[in-house]
Amino acid sequence: MSGKRLELDTTTLSALAEPNRMHIVELLREGPLTVGEIADRLGLRQPQASKHLKVLSEHGIVEVQADANRRIYRLRPEPFQAMTSWLDSFRHIMEERFDKLDAYLRELQNKEQG
């Protein structure tokens, strides 16, 4: 693996474990939204959406920008880069297992043909 590896913050995972927060992150993947837009799209009351956004903000998953009396939320890339880096560290394990499975399947095919 090349480049600096970002450390995975387990509080990021715990913040994302709550279904409404995960839905908010999925919405924000498409682009920045206001609290009202998020609440409307998820069928939440605005105070509920604000509570979840506060948690996401405290964990560094989203950032907020004030625009007059509106708050616009967007995803921060760093927590997701850290998750990607962490998951990539397991890639060699999965590739090794797939290679072993492939070799086993070829062995079975050879026995059937032979």
N, C-alpha and C. Protein backbone atom coordinates (compact mmCIF):
# COMPACT_ATOMS: atom_id res chain seq x y z
N MET A 1 0.85 -1.16 0.00
CA MET A 1 0.00 0.00 0.00
C MET A 1 0.90 1.23 0.00
N SER A 2 0.60 2.20 -0.85
CA SER A 2 1.44 3.37 -0.93
C SER A 2 0.76 4.55 -0.27
N GLY A 3 1.56 5.56 0.06
CA GLY A 3 1.01 6.76 0.66
C GLY A 3 0.80 6.61 2.15
N LYS A 4 0.50 7.72 2.77
CA LYS A 4 0.26 7.72 4.21
C LYS A 4 -1.09 7.09 4.50
N ARG A 5 -1.10 6.18 5.45
CA ARG A 5 -2.34 5.51 5.83
C ARG A 5 -3.01 6.31 6.94
N LEU A 6 -4.27 6.63 6.75
CA LEU A 6 -5.03 7.34 7.77
C LEU A 6 -5.53 6.36 8.80
N GLU A 7 -5.54 6.76 10.06
CA GLU A 7 -5.98 5.88 11.12
C GLU A 7 -7.50 5.91 11.21
N LEU A 8 -8.09 4.74 11.30
CA LEU A 8 -9.54 4.62 11.41
C LEU A 8 -9.96 4.96 12.83
N ASP A 9 -10.90 5.86 12.94
CA ASP A 9 -11.46 6.26 14.23
C ASP A 9 -12.72 5.42 14.45
N THR A 10 -12.70 4.58 15.47
CA THR A 10 -13.85 3.69 15.68
C THR A 10 -15.11 4.46 16.06
N THR A 11 -14.97 5.70 16.54
CA THR A 11 -16.17 6.48 16.83
C THR A 11 -16.90 6.84 15.54
N THR A 12 -16.17 6.90 14.43
CA THR A 12 -16.81 7.13 13.13
C THR A 12 -17.76 5.99 12.83
N LEU A 13 -17.29 4.77 13.04
CA LEU A 13 -18.14 3.60 12.78
C LEU A 13 -19.35 3.59 13.70
N SER A 14 -19.16 3.93 14.97
CA SER A 14 -20.30 3.93 15.89
C SER A 14 -21.30 5.02 15.51
N ALA A 15 -20.82 6.16 15.04
CA ALA A 15 -21.74 7.22 14.61
C ALA A 15 -22.54 6.78 13.39
N LEU A 16 -21.90 6.04 12.49
CA LEU A 16 -22.57 5.59 11.27
C LEU A 16 -23.47 4.38 11.50
N ALA A 17 -23.33 3.74 12.66
CA ALA A 17 -24.13 2.54 12.93
C ALA A 17 -25.61 2.86 13.13
N GLU A 18 -25.92 4.09 13.46
CA GLU A 18 -27.32 4.49 13.65
C GLU A 18 -27.95 4.66 12.27
N PRO A 19 -29.04 3.96 11.97
CA PRO A 19 -29.61 3.96 10.61
C PRO A 19 -29.93 5.34 10.04
N ASN A 20 -30.51 6.23 10.83
CA ASN A 20 -30.83 7.56 10.29
C ASN A 20 -29.57 8.32 9.90
N ARG A 21 -28.51 8.16 10.67
CA ARG A 21 -27.26 8.83 10.33
C ARG A 21 -26.67 8.25 9.06
N MET A 22 -26.76 6.96 8.89
CA MET A 22 -26.27 6.34 7.66
C MET A 22 -27.08 6.85 6.46
N HIS A 23 -28.39 6.98 6.63
CA HIS A 23 -29.23 7.51 5.55
C HIS A 23 -28.85 8.96 5.23
N ILE A 24 -28.55 9.73 6.25
CA ILE A 24 -28.12 11.12 6.01
C ILE A 24 -26.83 11.13 5.20
N VAL A 25 -25.88 10.29 5.58
CA VAL A 25 -24.61 10.22 4.84
C VAL A 25 -24.86 9.81 3.39
N GLU A 26 -25.76 8.87 3.18
CA GLU A 26 -26.07 8.45 1.81
C GLU A 26 -26.68 9.59 1.01
N LEU A 27 -27.54 10.38 1.65
CA LEU A 27 -28.11 11.55 0.96
C LEU A 27 -27.02 12.56 0.62
N LEU A 28 -26.14 12.84 1.58
CA LEU A 28 -25.10 13.84 1.38
C LEU A 28 -24.05 13.39 0.37
N ARG A 29 -24.00 12.12 0.09
CA ARG A 29 -23.07 11.62 -0.93
C ARG A 29 -23.40 12.26 -2.28
N GLU A 30 -24.68 12.59 -2.48
CA GLU A 30 -25.11 13.21 -3.74
C GLU A 30 -24.79 14.70 -3.80
N GLY A 31 -24.50 15.31 -2.64
CA GLY A 31 -24.16 16.73 -2.60
C GLY A 31 -24.69 17.38 -1.34
N PRO A 32 -24.28 18.63 -1.10
CA PRO A 32 -24.69 19.35 0.10
C PRO A 32 -26.20 19.55 0.17
N LEU A 33 -26.72 19.52 1.42
CA LEU A 33 -28.14 19.73 1.65
C LEU A 33 -28.34 20.52 2.94
N THR A 34 -29.48 21.19 3.03
CA THR A 34 -29.84 21.87 4.27
C THR A 34 -30.51 20.87 5.21
N VAL A 35 -30.64 21.28 6.47
CA VAL A 35 -31.30 20.43 7.46
C VAL A 35 -32.73 20.13 7.01
N GLY A 36 -33.43 21.15 6.52
CA GLY A 36 -34.81 20.97 6.07
C GLY A 36 -34.93 19.98 4.93
N GLU A 37 -34.01 20.05 3.98
CA GLU A 37 -34.03 19.12 2.85
C GLU A 37 -33.78 17.69 3.33
N ILE A 38 -32.85 17.54 4.25
CA ILE A 38 -32.56 16.21 4.79
C ILE A 38 -33.77 15.66 5.53
N ALA A 39 -34.37 16.48 6.37
CA ALA A 39 -35.54 16.06 7.14
C ALA A 39 -36.67 15.65 6.21
N ASP A 40 -36.94 16.46 5.19
CA ASP A 40 -38.01 16.15 4.24
C ASP A 40 -37.76 14.83 3.51
N ARG A 41 -36.55 14.65 3.02
CA ARG A 41 -36.24 13.44 2.23
C ARG A 41 -36.29 12.17 3.07
N LEU A 42 -35.98 12.29 4.37
CA LEU A 42 -35.98 11.10 5.23
C LEU A 42 -37.25 10.95 6.04
N GLY A 43 -38.16 11.91 5.92
CA GLY A 43 -39.40 11.84 6.69
C GLY A 43 -39.17 12.02 8.18
N LEU A 44 -38.19 12.83 8.53
CA LEU A 44 -37.89 13.13 9.93
C LEU A 44 -38.39 14.53 10.28
N ARG A 45 -38.57 14.76 11.56
CA ARG A 45 -38.83 16.13 12.01
C ARG A 45 -37.48 16.85 12.01
N GLN A 46 -37.52 18.15 11.80
CA GLN A 46 -36.27 18.90 11.70
C GLN A 46 -35.41 18.78 12.97
N PRO A 47 -35.99 18.79 14.18
CA PRO A 47 -35.14 18.61 15.36
C PRO A 47 -34.42 17.26 15.39
N GLN A 48 -35.09 16.21 14.90
CA GLN A 48 -34.45 14.89 14.82
C GLN A 48 -33.26 14.93 13.87
N ALA A 49 -33.49 15.51 12.69
CA ALA A 49 -32.42 15.60 11.69
C ALA A 49 -31.26 16.42 12.25
N SER A 50 -31.56 17.51 12.93
CA SER A 50 -30.52 18.36 13.51
C SER A 50 -29.71 17.60 14.56
N LYS A 51 -30.38 16.78 15.37
CA LYS A 51 -29.70 15.99 16.39
C LYS A 51 -28.70 15.02 15.74
N HIS A 52 -29.15 14.34 14.69
CA HIS A 52 -28.27 13.39 14.00
C HIS A 52 -27.12 14.12 13.31
N LEU A 53 -27.40 15.27 12.73
CA LEU A 53 -26.35 16.04 12.06
C LEU A 53 -25.33 16.55 13.07
N LYS A 54 -25.78 16.89 14.26
CA LYS A 54 -24.85 17.33 15.30
C LYS A 54 -23.87 16.21 15.65
N VAL A 55 -24.38 14.99 15.79
CA VAL A 55 -23.51 13.85 16.09
C VAL A 55 -22.52 13.63 14.94
N LEU A 56 -23.01 13.67 13.72
CA LEU A 56 -22.13 13.48 12.56
C LEU A 56 -21.07 14.58 12.49
N SER A 57 -21.45 15.78 12.85
CA SER A 57 -20.51 16.90 12.84
C SER A 57 -19.47 16.74 13.95
N GLU A 58 -19.91 16.35 15.15
CA GLU A 58 -18.99 16.14 16.27
C GLU A 58 -17.96 15.06 15.98
N HIS A 59 -18.33 14.10 15.14
CA HIS A 59 -17.42 13.02 14.79
C HIS A 59 -16.63 13.32 13.51
N GLY A 60 -16.77 14.53 12.98
CA GLY A 60 -15.98 14.94 11.82
C GLY A 60 -16.42 14.33 10.51
N ILE A 61 -17.64 13.80 10.47
CA ILE A 61 -18.13 13.14 9.25
C ILE A 61 -18.73 14.16 8.29
N VAL A 62 -19.37 15.19 8.85
CA VAL A 62 -19.94 16.25 8.03
C VAL A 62 -19.38 17.58 8.50
N GLU A 63 -19.47 18.56 7.62
CA GLU A 63 -19.15 19.94 7.98
C GLU A 63 -20.34 20.80 7.64
N VAL A 64 -20.48 21.89 8.34
CA VAL A 64 -21.63 22.76 8.15
C VAL A 64 -21.15 24.14 7.73
N GLN A 65 -21.93 24.74 6.84
CA GLN A 65 -21.64 26.08 6.38
C GLN A 65 -22.89 26.91 6.59
N ALA A 66 -22.74 28.05 7.23
CA ALA A 66 -23.89 28.93 7.46
C ALA A 66 -24.12 29.77 6.21
N ASP A 67 -25.38 29.86 5.81
CA ASP A 67 -25.79 30.69 4.68
C ASP A 67 -27.04 31.42 5.12
N ALA A 68 -26.86 32.65 5.61
CA ALA A 68 -27.95 33.43 6.22
C ALA A 68 -28.50 32.61 7.39
N ASN A 69 -29.79 32.27 7.36
CA ASN A 69 -30.37 31.50 8.47
C ASN A 69 -30.39 29.99 8.18
N ARG A 70 -29.80 29.58 7.08
CA ARG A 70 -29.77 28.15 6.74
C ARG A 70 -28.42 27.56 7.09
N ARG A 71 -28.42 26.27 7.37
CA ARG A 71 -27.19 25.51 7.61
C ARG A 71 -27.09 24.47 6.51
N ILE A 72 -26.00 24.51 5.78
CA ILE A 72 -25.80 23.57 4.68
C ILE A 72 -24.74 22.56 5.11
N TYR A 73 -25.09 21.28 4.99
CA TYR A 73 -24.20 20.20 5.42
C TYR A 73 -23.62 19.50 4.20
N ARG A 74 -22.35 19.11 4.34
CA ARG A 74 -21.67 18.33 3.30
C ARG A 74 -20.76 17.32 3.98
N LEU A 75 -20.47 16.25 3.26
CA LEU A 75 -19.58 15.22 3.78
C LEU A 75 -18.14 15.72 3.78
N ARG A 76 -17.39 15.30 4.77
CA ARG A 76 -15.95 15.51 4.82
C ARG A 76 -15.29 14.24 4.28
N PRO A 77 -14.30 14.35 3.44
CA PRO A 77 -13.71 13.14 2.85
C PRO A 77 -12.81 12.34 3.78
N GLU A 78 -12.21 12.97 4.77
CA GLU A 78 -11.19 12.31 5.58
C GLU A 78 -11.66 11.03 6.29
N PRO A 79 -12.83 11.04 6.94
CA PRO A 79 -13.25 9.79 7.60
C PRO A 79 -13.42 8.63 6.62
N PHE A 80 -13.86 8.93 5.42
CA PHE A 80 -14.09 7.88 4.42
C PHE A 80 -12.77 7.42 3.80
N GLN A 81 -11.80 8.33 3.70
CA GLN A 81 -10.47 7.93 3.25
C GLN A 81 -9.83 6.99 4.27
N ALA A 82 -10.04 7.30 5.55
CA ALA A 82 -9.50 6.43 6.60
C ALA A 82 -10.14 5.04 6.55
N MET A 83 -11.46 5.00 6.33
CA MET A 83 -12.14 3.70 6.23
C MET A 83 -11.65 2.92 5.03
N THR A 84 -11.47 3.59 3.91
CA THR A 84 -10.97 2.94 2.71
C THR A 84 -9.58 2.38 2.94
N SER A 85 -8.73 3.16 3.57
CA SER A 85 -7.38 2.71 3.87
C SER A 85 -7.40 1.49 4.77
N TRP A 86 -8.25 1.52 5.79
CA TRP A 86 -8.35 0.40 6.72
C TRP A 86 -8.85 -0.85 6.01
N LEU A 87 -9.89 -0.71 5.18
CA LEU A 87 -10.42 -1.86 4.44
C LEU A 87 -9.40 -2.40 3.44
N ASP A 88 -8.64 -1.50 2.81
CA ASP A 88 -7.62 -1.95 1.87
C ASP A 88 -6.56 -2.80 2.55
N SER A 89 -6.35 -2.58 3.85
CA SER A 89 -5.34 -3.37 4.56
C SER A 89 -5.76 -4.84 4.67
N PHE A 90 -7.02 -5.15 4.40
CA PHE A 90 -7.51 -6.52 4.43
C PHE A 90 -7.57 -7.15 3.03
N ARG A 91 -7.30 -6.36 2.02
CA ARG A 91 -7.44 -6.82 0.64
C ARG A 91 -6.59 -8.05 0.36
N HIS A 92 -5.36 -8.08 0.84
CA HIS A 92 -4.48 -9.22 0.55
C HIS A 92 -5.04 -10.51 1.14
N ILE A 93 -5.71 -10.42 2.27
CA ILE A 93 -6.31 -11.62 2.88
C ILE A 93 -7.39 -12.18 1.96
N MET A 94 -8.26 -11.31 1.47
CA MET A 94 -9.34 -11.76 0.60
C MET A 94 -8.80 -12.29 -0.73
N GLU A 95 -7.81 -11.61 -1.28
CA GLU A 95 -7.23 -12.07 -2.54
C GLU A 95 -6.59 -13.45 -2.38
N GLU A 96 -5.92 -13.66 -1.25
CA GLU A 96 -5.31 -14.96 -0.98
C GLU A 96 -6.37 -16.05 -0.89
N ARG A 97 -7.48 -15.74 -0.23
CA ARG A 97 -8.55 -16.73 -0.11
C ARG A 97 -9.19 -17.04 -1.46
N PHE A 98 -9.37 -16.02 -2.29
CA PHE A 98 -9.93 -16.26 -3.62
C PHE A 98 -8.96 -17.08 -4.47
N ASP A 99 -7.67 -16.81 -4.33
CA ASP A 99 -6.67 -17.60 -5.07
C ASP A 99 -6.73 -19.07 -4.66
N LYS A 100 -6.86 -19.33 -3.36
CA LYS A 100 -6.96 -20.71 -2.87
C LYS A 100 -8.23 -21.38 -3.37
N LEU A 101 -9.33 -20.64 -3.38
CA LEU A 101 -10.59 -21.18 -3.88
C LEU A 101 -10.46 -21.50 -5.37
N ASP A 102 -9.86 -20.59 -6.12
CA ASP A 102 -9.67 -20.81 -7.55
C ASP A 102 -8.82 -22.06 -7.81
N ALA A 103 -7.76 -22.22 -7.03
CA ALA A 103 -6.89 -23.40 -7.19
C ALA A 103 -7.65 -24.67 -6.84
N TYR A 104 -8.46 -24.62 -5.81
CA TYR A 104 -9.25 -25.80 -5.42
C TYR A 104 -10.27 -26.16 -6.50
N LEU A 105 -10.94 -25.16 -7.06
CA LEU A 105 -11.92 -25.42 -8.13
C LEU A 105 -11.24 -26.01 -9.37
N ARG A 106 -10.05 -25.51 -9.70
CA ARG A 106 -9.31 -26.07 -10.85
C ARG A 106 -8.93 -27.53 -10.57
N GLU A 107 -8.54 -27.80 -9.33
CA GLU A 107 -8.19 -29.17 -8.94
C GLU A 107 -9.40 -30.09 -9.08
N LEU A 108 -10.57 -29.64 -8.66
CA LEU A 108 -11.80 -30.44 -8.80
C LEU A 108 -12.12 -30.68 -10.27
N GLN A 109 -11.98 -29.65 -11.11
CA GLN A 109 -12.25 -29.79 -12.54
C GLN A 109 -11.29 -30.82 -13.17
N ASN A 110 -10.03 -30.75 -12.78
CA ASN A 110 -9.04 -31.68 -13.33
C ASN A 110 -9.36 -33.12 -12.94
N LYS A 111 -9.84 -33.32 -11.70
CA LYS A 111 -10.20 -34.67 -11.26
C LYS A 111 -11.41 -35.18 -12.03
N GLU A 112 -12.37 -34.32 -12.31
CA GLU A 112 -13.56 -34.74 -13.07
C GLU A 112 -13.21 -35.07 -14.50
N GLN A 113 -12.28 -34.33 -15.09
CA GLN A 113 -11.90 -34.55 -16.48
C GLN A 113 -10.94 -35.73 -16.64
N GLY A 114 -10.20 -36.02 -15.58
CA GLY A 114 -9.15 -37.04 -15.66
C GLY A 114 -9.59 -38.41 -15.36
